[in-house]
Amino acid sequence: MLVDYWLAGHLGREWLQLRKGTRQERGDLPELCTSVARGAISPARTLWRVRDFAVMIWLRVSVTPMVFLLIGVVAMKVLSGGAIPFAIALGSASPLLFLFGIAAAQIATAQYRGKHVRLYLNRAGRSAGALPLPPGSPGLPRRSDFWIALALAVIVVAVLLVSGLRAAPT
């Protein structure tokens, strides 16, 4: 099971429920994401569309926490009379930053795989869009993509948070 495409399929289904206007043009993509996640062999052009949809969903997942973080910081600033207690700021911002980092890493991974799908489509011509990618192609999503991106995102965000804590005034 490819966790990144499985999550993109489920989150995409929810997103399309909220955005009824985009359901006409992208209504089949959540199911295609789920089928790619289960290992179904898809034509290269379909895999390109699914990857593009997954990137769009992960982008929305990465932007949403930042909006909530901004609203939360402004609300705490207004309600506290200008001073935000450091523990409250860190406690509310840390999970959102982790979610942002994870989503950004998933976008980078999907973009990397998508670049190879696009190269395959450009090299092989229009007729290749109906054929699946050859086995072992770098454009095929891998089960380890999600976990490697997750580990890198957690490490980078943790290092940034720890360095920010050390630099914080006491």
N, C-alpha and C. Protein backbone atom coordinates (compact mmCIF):
# COMPACT_ATOMS: atom_id res chain seq x y z
N MET A 1 0.85 -1.18 0.00
CA MET A 1 0.00 0.00 0.00
C MET A 1 0.89 1.24 0.00
N LEU A 2 0.64 2.14 -0.92
CA LEU A 2 1.36 3.41 -0.99
C LEU A 2 0.59 4.42 -0.14
N VAL A 3 1.12 4.73 1.03
CA VAL A 3 0.41 5.54 2.01
C VAL A 3 0.17 6.96 1.48
N ASP A 4 1.14 7.52 0.77
CA ASP A 4 0.98 8.90 0.30
C ASP A 4 -0.17 9.04 -0.68
N TYR A 5 -0.33 8.09 -1.60
CA TYR A 5 -1.44 8.17 -2.55
C TYR A 5 -2.76 7.77 -1.89
N TRP A 6 -2.70 6.85 -0.93
CA TRP A 6 -3.91 6.46 -0.20
C TRP A 6 -4.46 7.67 0.56
N LEU A 7 -3.58 8.38 1.28
CA LEU A 7 -4.00 9.58 2.01
C LEU A 7 -4.50 10.66 1.05
N ALA A 8 -3.79 10.84 -0.07
CA ALA A 8 -4.20 11.84 -1.05
C ALA A 8 -5.58 11.51 -1.61
N GLY A 9 -5.86 10.23 -1.81
CA GLY A 9 -7.18 9.83 -2.30
C GLY A 9 -8.28 10.16 -1.30
N HIS A 10 -8.04 9.82 -0.03
CA HIS A 10 -9.06 10.09 0.99
C HIS A 10 -9.22 11.59 1.26
N LEU A 11 -8.10 12.29 1.38
CA LEU A 11 -8.18 13.74 1.60
C LEU A 11 -8.77 14.44 0.38
N GLY A 12 -8.44 13.94 -0.82
CA GLY A 12 -8.98 14.52 -2.04
C GLY A 12 -10.48 14.34 -2.16
N ARG A 13 -10.97 13.19 -1.70
CA ARG A 13 -12.42 12.96 -1.71
C ARG A 13 -13.11 13.98 -0.81
N GLU A 14 -12.53 14.21 0.36
CA GLU A 14 -13.10 15.20 1.28
C GLU A 14 -13.01 16.61 0.69
N TRP A 15 -11.90 16.91 0.04
CA TRP A 15 -11.72 18.24 -0.55
C TRP A 15 -12.77 18.46 -1.65
N LEU A 16 -13.00 17.45 -2.47
CA LEU A 16 -13.99 17.59 -3.53
C LEU A 16 -15.41 17.70 -2.98
N GLN A 17 -15.66 17.15 -1.79
CA GLN A 17 -16.96 17.33 -1.16
C GLN A 17 -17.17 18.80 -0.77
N LEU A 18 -16.08 19.45 -0.35
CA LEU A 18 -16.17 20.86 0.03
C LEU A 18 -16.23 21.77 -1.20
N ARG A 19 -15.54 21.38 -2.26
CA ARG A 19 -15.44 22.20 -3.48
C ARG A 19 -16.25 21.54 -4.59
N LYS A 20 -17.54 21.72 -4.56
CA LYS A 20 -18.42 21.03 -5.49
C LYS A 20 -18.17 21.42 -6.95
N GLY A 21 -17.63 22.59 -7.20
CA GLY A 21 -17.38 23.03 -8.57
C GLY A 21 -16.26 22.26 -9.26
N THR A 22 -15.32 21.74 -8.52
CA THR A 22 -14.21 21.00 -9.12
C THR A 22 -14.51 19.50 -9.26
N ARG A 23 -15.67 19.07 -8.78
CA ARG A 23 -16.00 17.66 -8.82
C ARG A 23 -16.19 17.16 -10.26
N GLN A 24 -16.64 18.03 -11.16
CA GLN A 24 -16.86 17.62 -12.54
C GLN A 24 -15.56 17.21 -13.23
N GLU A 25 -14.52 18.02 -13.05
CA GLU A 25 -13.27 17.76 -13.76
C GLU A 25 -12.32 16.81 -13.03
N ARG A 26 -12.47 16.67 -11.72
CA ARG A 26 -11.54 15.84 -10.95
C ARG A 26 -12.23 14.76 -10.13
N GLY A 27 -13.45 14.45 -10.43
CA GLY A 27 -14.22 13.53 -9.61
C GLY A 27 -13.68 12.11 -9.58
N ASP A 28 -12.99 11.67 -10.64
CA ASP A 28 -12.48 10.30 -10.67
C ASP A 28 -11.09 10.17 -10.03
N LEU A 29 -10.43 11.27 -9.76
CA LEU A 29 -9.05 11.22 -9.28
C LEU A 29 -8.87 10.63 -7.88
N PRO A 30 -9.77 10.87 -6.92
CA PRO A 30 -9.58 10.21 -5.62
C PRO A 30 -9.59 8.68 -5.73
N GLU A 31 -10.48 8.13 -6.56
CA GLU A 31 -10.52 6.68 -6.75
C GLU A 31 -9.27 6.19 -7.48
N LEU A 32 -8.78 6.97 -8.45
CA LEU A 32 -7.55 6.60 -9.14
C LEU A 32 -6.35 6.64 -8.18
N CYS A 33 -6.34 7.62 -7.27
CA CYS A 33 -5.28 7.67 -6.25
C CYS A 33 -5.31 6.42 -5.39
N THR A 34 -6.50 6.00 -4.99
CA THR A 34 -6.63 4.81 -4.16
C THR A 34 -6.21 3.56 -4.92
N SER A 35 -6.53 3.49 -6.21
CA SER A 35 -6.12 2.32 -6.99
C SER A 35 -4.60 2.29 -7.20
N VAL A 36 -3.99 3.45 -7.42
CA VAL A 36 -2.53 3.50 -7.53
C VAL A 36 -1.90 3.12 -6.19
N ALA A 37 -2.52 3.55 -5.10
CA ALA A 37 -2.01 3.20 -3.77
C ALA A 37 -2.05 1.70 -3.53
N ARG A 38 -3.02 1.04 -4.11
CA ARG A 38 -3.13 -0.42 -3.93
C ARG A 38 -2.25 -1.19 -4.89
N GLY A 39 -1.55 -0.50 -5.79
CA GLY A 39 -0.62 -1.17 -6.69
C GLY A 39 -1.17 -1.48 -8.06
N ALA A 40 -2.30 -0.90 -8.45
CA ALA A 40 -2.84 -1.13 -9.77
C ALA A 40 -1.91 -0.54 -10.83
N ILE A 41 -1.75 -1.23 -11.92
CA ILE A 41 -0.91 -0.75 -13.02
C ILE A 41 -1.74 0.23 -13.82
N SER A 42 -1.23 1.46 -13.93
CA SER A 42 -1.95 2.53 -14.61
C SER A 42 -1.14 3.02 -15.80
N PRO A 43 -1.83 3.51 -16.83
CA PRO A 43 -1.12 4.12 -17.94
C PRO A 43 -0.32 5.34 -17.46
N ALA A 44 0.72 5.68 -18.19
CA ALA A 44 1.61 6.77 -17.78
C ALA A 44 0.86 8.09 -17.67
N ARG A 45 -0.03 8.37 -18.61
CA ARG A 45 -0.76 9.63 -18.56
C ARG A 45 -1.70 9.68 -17.36
N THR A 46 -2.31 8.57 -17.00
CA THR A 46 -3.16 8.50 -15.80
C THR A 46 -2.32 8.68 -14.55
N LEU A 47 -1.15 8.05 -14.52
CA LEU A 47 -0.25 8.21 -13.38
C LEU A 47 0.18 9.67 -13.24
N TRP A 48 0.37 10.35 -14.35
CA TRP A 48 0.71 11.77 -14.32
C TRP A 48 -0.43 12.58 -13.71
N ARG A 49 -1.68 12.30 -14.12
CA ARG A 49 -2.84 13.01 -13.57
C ARG A 49 -3.00 12.74 -12.08
N VAL A 50 -2.80 11.49 -11.67
CA VAL A 50 -2.93 11.11 -10.26
C VAL A 50 -1.86 11.81 -9.44
N ARG A 51 -0.64 11.86 -9.95
CA ARG A 51 0.44 12.53 -9.25
C ARG A 51 0.16 14.01 -9.11
N ASP A 52 -0.36 14.61 -10.16
CA ASP A 52 -0.70 16.03 -10.13
C ASP A 52 -1.79 16.30 -9.10
N PHE A 53 -2.78 15.43 -9.03
CA PHE A 53 -3.84 15.56 -8.04
C PHE A 53 -3.29 15.39 -6.63
N ALA A 54 -2.41 14.41 -6.44
CA ALA A 54 -1.81 14.17 -5.11
C ALA A 54 -0.99 15.39 -4.67
N VAL A 55 -0.26 16.00 -5.59
CA VAL A 55 0.51 17.20 -5.25
C VAL A 55 -0.43 18.33 -4.85
N MET A 56 -1.54 18.48 -5.58
CA MET A 56 -2.50 19.53 -5.24
C MET A 56 -3.07 19.30 -3.83
N ILE A 57 -3.40 18.06 -3.51
CA ILE A 57 -3.97 17.76 -2.19
C ILE A 57 -2.92 17.97 -1.11
N TRP A 58 -1.70 17.51 -1.31
CA TRP A 58 -0.64 17.71 -0.30
C TRP A 58 -0.33 19.19 -0.14
N LEU A 59 -0.45 19.96 -1.22
CA LEU A 59 -0.24 21.41 -1.11
C LEU A 59 -1.31 22.03 -0.22
N ARG A 60 -2.54 21.59 -0.38
CA ARG A 60 -3.60 22.10 0.48
C ARG A 60 -3.40 21.66 1.93
N VAL A 61 -2.90 20.44 2.12
CA VAL A 61 -2.60 19.96 3.47
C VAL A 61 -1.48 20.79 4.10
N SER A 62 -0.53 21.24 3.29
CA SER A 62 0.58 22.04 3.84
C SER A 62 0.18 23.48 4.12
N VAL A 63 -0.76 24.02 3.35
CA VAL A 63 -1.16 25.42 3.53
C VAL A 63 -2.14 25.57 4.69
N THR A 64 -3.02 24.60 4.86
CA THR A 64 -4.05 24.69 5.89
C THR A 64 -3.48 24.91 7.29
N PRO A 65 -2.45 24.15 7.73
CA PRO A 65 -1.93 24.40 9.07
C PRO A 65 -1.33 25.80 9.22
N MET A 66 -0.75 26.32 8.16
CA MET A 66 -0.16 27.65 8.25
C MET A 66 -1.24 28.71 8.43
N VAL A 67 -2.39 28.50 7.80
CA VAL A 67 -3.51 29.44 7.98
C VAL A 67 -3.98 29.40 9.43
N PHE A 68 -4.14 28.18 9.97
CA PHE A 68 -4.56 28.05 11.37
C PHE A 68 -3.52 28.62 12.32
N LEU A 69 -2.25 28.43 12.01
CA LEU A 69 -1.19 28.98 12.84
C LEU A 69 -1.24 30.51 12.85
N LEU A 70 -1.43 31.09 11.69
CA LEU A 70 -1.53 32.55 11.59
C LEU A 70 -2.75 33.07 12.35
N ILE A 71 -3.88 32.42 12.20
CA ILE A 71 -5.09 32.83 12.93
C ILE A 71 -4.87 32.70 14.43
N GLY A 72 -4.25 31.60 14.84
CA GLY A 72 -3.99 31.38 16.27
C GLY A 72 -3.05 32.40 16.86
N VAL A 73 -2.00 32.74 16.13
CA VAL A 73 -1.03 33.74 16.63
C VAL A 73 -1.70 35.10 16.75
N VAL A 74 -2.47 35.47 15.75
CA VAL A 74 -3.15 36.77 15.81
C VAL A 74 -4.16 36.79 16.95
N ALA A 75 -4.91 35.69 17.13
CA ALA A 75 -5.90 35.64 18.21
C ALA A 75 -5.23 35.71 19.58
N MET A 76 -4.12 34.97 19.76
CA MET A 76 -3.42 35.01 21.05
C MET A 76 -2.83 36.39 21.30
N LYS A 77 -2.33 37.02 20.26
CA LYS A 77 -1.75 38.35 20.40
C LYS A 77 -2.83 39.36 20.84
N VAL A 78 -3.99 39.27 20.22
CA VAL A 78 -5.07 40.20 20.54
C VAL A 78 -5.63 39.92 21.93
N LEU A 79 -5.86 38.66 22.25
CA LEU A 79 -6.48 38.30 23.53
C LEU A 79 -5.55 38.50 24.73
N SER A 80 -4.25 38.37 24.50
CA SER A 80 -3.33 38.49 25.64
C SER A 80 -2.79 39.90 25.81
N GLY A 81 -3.23 40.81 25.01
CA GLY A 81 -2.78 42.19 25.15
C GLY A 81 -1.38 42.41 24.60
N GLY A 82 -0.93 41.58 23.70
CA GLY A 82 0.36 41.79 23.05
C GLY A 82 1.42 40.78 23.39
N ALA A 83 1.29 40.07 24.49
CA ALA A 83 2.31 39.10 24.88
C ALA A 83 1.75 37.69 24.73
N ILE A 84 2.50 36.84 24.06
CA ILE A 84 2.10 35.45 23.89
C ILE A 84 3.04 34.60 24.75
N PRO A 85 2.50 33.86 25.69
CA PRO A 85 3.37 32.99 26.47
C PRO A 85 4.10 32.00 25.56
N PHE A 86 5.37 31.82 25.79
CA PHE A 86 6.22 31.01 24.93
C PHE A 86 5.74 29.56 24.88
N ALA A 87 5.34 29.00 26.01
CA ALA A 87 4.90 27.60 26.05
C ALA A 87 3.64 27.39 25.21
N ILE A 88 2.73 28.36 25.25
CA ILE A 88 1.51 28.24 24.45
C ILE A 88 1.85 28.35 22.96
N ALA A 89 2.71 29.28 22.62
CA ALA A 89 3.09 29.44 21.22
C ALA A 89 3.79 28.19 20.69
N LEU A 90 4.69 27.63 21.48
CA LEU A 90 5.42 26.44 21.05
C LEU A 90 4.49 25.23 20.98
N GLY A 91 3.61 25.11 21.96
CA GLY A 91 2.70 23.97 21.99
C GLY A 91 1.71 23.96 20.84
N SER A 92 1.28 25.11 20.40
CA SER A 92 0.32 25.15 19.29
C SER A 92 1.02 25.15 17.94
N ALA A 93 2.21 25.69 17.86
CA ALA A 93 2.89 25.79 16.56
C ALA A 93 3.62 24.51 16.18
N SER A 94 4.13 23.76 17.13
CA SER A 94 4.94 22.58 16.81
C SER A 94 4.19 21.53 15.99
N PRO A 95 3.00 21.09 16.39
CA PRO A 95 2.31 20.09 15.56
C PRO A 95 1.97 20.60 14.16
N LEU A 96 1.63 21.88 14.07
CA LEU A 96 1.32 22.45 12.77
C LEU A 96 2.56 22.51 11.88
N LEU A 97 3.70 22.83 12.49
CA LEU A 97 4.94 22.84 11.72
C LEU A 97 5.33 21.44 11.26
N PHE A 98 5.11 20.45 12.11
CA PHE A 98 5.38 19.07 11.70
C PHE A 98 4.48 18.67 10.54
N LEU A 99 3.20 19.01 10.59
CA LEU A 99 2.28 18.69 9.51
C LEU A 99 2.70 19.41 8.22
N PHE A 100 3.10 20.66 8.34
CA PHE A 100 3.58 21.40 7.18
C PHE A 100 4.82 20.74 6.58
N GLY A 101 5.76 20.35 7.42
CA GLY A 101 6.98 19.71 6.94
C GLY A 101 6.71 18.38 6.26
N ILE A 102 5.81 17.59 6.82
CA ILE A 102 5.47 16.30 6.22
C ILE A 102 4.81 16.49 4.86
N ALA A 103 3.87 17.42 4.77
CA ALA A 103 3.20 17.67 3.50
C ALA A 103 4.18 18.21 2.46
N ALA A 104 5.09 19.09 2.88
CA ALA A 104 6.08 19.63 1.94
C ALA A 104 7.01 18.53 1.43
N ALA A 105 7.39 17.61 2.30
CA ALA A 105 8.25 16.50 1.87
C ALA A 105 7.50 15.58 0.90
N GLN A 106 6.21 15.37 1.12
CA GLN A 106 5.43 14.55 0.19
C GLN A 106 5.31 15.22 -1.18
N ILE A 107 5.18 16.53 -1.18
CA ILE A 107 5.13 17.27 -2.45
C ILE A 107 6.44 17.10 -3.19
N ALA A 108 7.55 17.24 -2.49
CA ALA A 108 8.86 17.11 -3.14
C ALA A 108 9.05 15.70 -3.72
N THR A 109 8.63 14.69 -2.99
CA THR A 109 8.76 13.32 -3.48
C THR A 109 7.89 13.10 -4.71
N ALA A 110 6.66 13.56 -4.66
CA ALA A 110 5.76 13.39 -5.81
C ALA A 110 6.26 14.17 -7.02
N GLN A 111 6.82 15.34 -6.80
CA GLN A 111 7.38 16.12 -7.91
C GLN A 111 8.57 15.40 -8.55
N TYR A 112 9.40 14.79 -7.72
CA TYR A 112 10.55 14.04 -8.23
C TYR A 112 10.08 12.88 -9.12
N ARG A 113 9.10 12.11 -8.63
CA ARG A 113 8.58 10.98 -9.42
C ARG A 113 7.87 11.50 -10.68
N GLY A 114 7.15 12.60 -10.54
CA GLY A 114 6.43 13.17 -11.68
C GLY A 114 7.36 13.67 -12.77
N LYS A 115 8.52 14.17 -12.38
CA LYS A 115 9.50 14.62 -13.38
C LYS A 115 9.92 13.46 -14.27
N HIS A 116 10.09 12.29 -13.69
CA HIS A 116 10.48 11.12 -14.47
C HIS A 116 9.34 10.60 -15.35
N VAL A 117 8.11 10.73 -14.88
CA VAL A 117 6.97 10.36 -15.72
C VAL A 117 6.89 11.30 -16.92
N ARG A 118 7.07 12.60 -16.68
CA ARG A 118 7.04 13.58 -17.77
C ARG A 118 8.17 13.32 -18.78
N LEU A 119 9.37 12.99 -18.29
CA LEU A 119 10.47 12.65 -19.20
C LEU A 119 10.13 11.43 -20.05
N TYR A 120 9.51 10.43 -19.44
CA TYR A 120 9.10 9.24 -20.18
C TYR A 120 8.08 9.59 -21.25
N LEU A 121 7.09 10.41 -20.89
CA LEU A 121 6.06 10.79 -21.86
C LEU A 121 6.65 11.62 -23.00
N ASN A 122 7.59 12.51 -22.69
CA ASN A 122 8.22 13.32 -23.73
C ASN A 122 9.09 12.48 -24.66
N ARG A 123 9.83 11.52 -24.09
CA ARG A 123 10.72 10.69 -24.91
C ARG A 123 9.95 9.70 -25.77
N ALA A 124 8.93 9.08 -25.20
CA ALA A 124 8.25 8.00 -25.89
C ALA A 124 7.15 8.49 -26.83
N GLY A 125 6.73 9.72 -26.72
CA GLY A 125 5.72 10.25 -27.62
C GLY A 125 4.31 10.11 -27.08
N ARG A 126 3.34 10.54 -27.89
CA ARG A 126 1.95 10.57 -27.46
C ARG A 126 1.38 9.17 -27.20
N SER A 127 1.78 8.21 -27.99
CA SER A 127 1.21 6.87 -27.85
C SER A 127 1.63 6.20 -26.54
N ALA A 128 2.72 6.67 -25.94
CA ALA A 128 3.20 6.06 -24.70
C ALA A 128 2.31 6.41 -23.52
N GLY A 129 1.47 7.42 -23.64
CA GLY A 129 0.60 7.80 -22.54
C GLY A 129 -0.39 6.72 -22.17
N ALA A 130 -0.73 5.86 -23.13
CA ALA A 130 -1.68 4.78 -22.86
C ALA A 130 -1.00 3.55 -22.29
N LEU A 131 0.32 3.51 -22.31
CA LEU A 131 1.07 2.36 -21.80
C LEU A 131 1.55 2.63 -20.38
N PRO A 132 1.67 1.58 -19.58
CA PRO A 132 2.23 1.79 -18.23
C PRO A 132 3.73 2.04 -18.31
N LEU A 133 4.26 2.62 -17.27
CA LEU A 133 5.71 2.82 -17.21
C LEU A 133 6.41 1.47 -17.12
N PRO A 134 7.60 1.37 -17.70
CA PRO A 134 8.31 0.09 -17.61
C PRO A 134 8.71 -0.23 -16.17
N PRO A 135 8.78 -1.50 -15.82
CA PRO A 135 9.18 -1.87 -14.44
C PRO A 135 10.56 -1.30 -14.10
N GLY A 136 10.68 -0.83 -12.88
CA GLY A 136 11.95 -0.26 -12.43
C GLY A 136 12.16 1.19 -12.82
N SER A 137 11.17 1.79 -13.47
CA SER A 137 11.27 3.19 -13.87
C SER A 137 11.30 4.08 -12.64
N PRO A 138 12.15 5.14 -12.66
CA PRO A 138 12.17 6.04 -11.51
C PRO A 138 10.89 6.84 -11.34
N GLY A 139 10.00 6.82 -12.31
CA GLY A 139 8.74 7.54 -12.19
C GLY A 139 7.67 6.78 -11.44
N LEU A 140 7.87 5.48 -11.25
CA LEU A 140 6.89 4.69 -10.52
C LEU A 140 6.97 5.00 -9.03
N PRO A 141 5.82 5.23 -8.40
CA PRO A 141 5.85 5.48 -6.95
C PRO A 141 6.28 4.22 -6.21
N ARG A 142 6.99 4.42 -5.12
CA ARG A 142 7.47 3.30 -4.32
C ARG A 142 6.89 3.37 -2.92
N ARG A 143 6.81 2.21 -2.29
CA ARG A 143 6.26 2.12 -0.95
C ARG A 143 7.09 2.92 0.05
N SER A 144 8.40 2.99 -0.18
CA SER A 144 9.29 3.67 0.76
C SER A 144 9.26 5.19 0.62
N ASP A 145 8.69 5.72 -0.45
CA ASP A 145 8.68 7.18 -0.67
C ASP A 145 8.07 7.93 0.50
N PHE A 146 6.92 7.48 0.95
CA PHE A 146 6.22 8.17 2.03
C PHE A 146 7.06 8.15 3.31
N TRP A 147 7.62 6.99 3.63
CA TRP A 147 8.33 6.84 4.90
C TRP A 147 9.65 7.59 4.91
N ILE A 148 10.34 7.61 3.78
CA ILE A 148 11.59 8.37 3.69
C ILE A 148 11.30 9.87 3.81
N ALA A 149 10.28 10.33 3.09
CA ALA A 149 9.91 11.75 3.17
C ALA A 149 9.44 12.12 4.57
N LEU A 150 8.69 11.22 5.21
CA LEU A 150 8.22 11.47 6.57
C LEU A 150 9.40 11.59 7.54
N ALA A 151 10.35 10.66 7.44
CA ALA A 151 11.51 10.69 8.34
C ALA A 151 12.33 11.96 8.12
N LEU A 152 12.57 12.33 6.87
CA LEU A 152 13.34 13.55 6.60
C LEU A 152 12.62 14.79 7.10
N ALA A 153 11.31 14.85 6.91
CA ALA A 153 10.55 16.02 7.37
C ALA A 153 10.58 16.13 8.89
N VAL A 154 10.40 15.02 9.58
CA VAL A 154 10.42 15.05 11.04
C VAL A 154 11.79 15.47 11.55
N ILE A 155 12.84 14.95 10.94
CA ILE A 155 14.21 15.32 11.36
C ILE A 155 14.46 16.80 11.14
N VAL A 156 14.12 17.31 9.96
CA VAL A 156 14.38 18.72 9.65
C VAL A 156 13.58 19.63 10.56
N VAL A 157 12.29 19.35 10.75
CA VAL A 157 11.46 20.21 11.60
C VAL A 157 11.93 20.12 13.05
N ALA A 158 12.31 18.93 13.51
CA ALA A 158 12.80 18.78 14.88
C ALA A 158 14.09 19.57 15.09
N VAL A 159 14.99 19.53 14.12
CA VAL A 159 16.23 20.30 14.23
C VAL A 159 15.92 21.79 14.26
N LEU A 160 14.99 22.24 13.42
CA LEU A 160 14.63 23.65 13.40
C LEU A 160 13.98 24.08 14.72
N LEU A 161 13.10 23.24 15.27
CA LEU A 161 12.47 23.58 16.54
C LEU A 161 13.47 23.60 17.70
N VAL A 162 14.37 22.63 17.73
CA VAL A 162 15.38 22.60 18.80
C VAL A 162 16.30 23.79 18.70
N SER A 163 16.73 24.13 17.49
CA SER A 163 17.60 25.30 17.33
C SER A 163 16.86 26.58 17.66
N GLY A 164 15.57 26.63 17.37
CA GLY A 164 14.77 27.80 17.75
C GLY A 164 14.60 27.91 19.25
N LEU A 165 14.45 26.77 19.93
CA LEU A 165 14.33 26.77 21.38
C LEU A 165 15.63 27.24 22.03
N ARG A 166 16.74 26.83 21.48
CA ARG A 166 18.04 27.23 22.05
C ARG A 166 18.30 28.72 21.86
N ALA A 167 17.75 29.26 20.76
CA ALA A 167 17.99 30.67 20.49
C ALA A 167 16.95 31.57 21.17
N ALA A 168 15.90 30.95 21.74
CA ALA A 168 14.84 31.75 22.37
C ALA A 168 15.37 32.44 23.63
N PRO A 169 14.93 33.66 23.85
CA PRO A 169 15.37 34.35 25.06
C PRO A 169 14.80 33.68 26.31
N THR A 170 15.58 33.67 27.36
CA THR A 170 15.12 33.05 28.61
C THR A 170 14.69 34.07 29.62
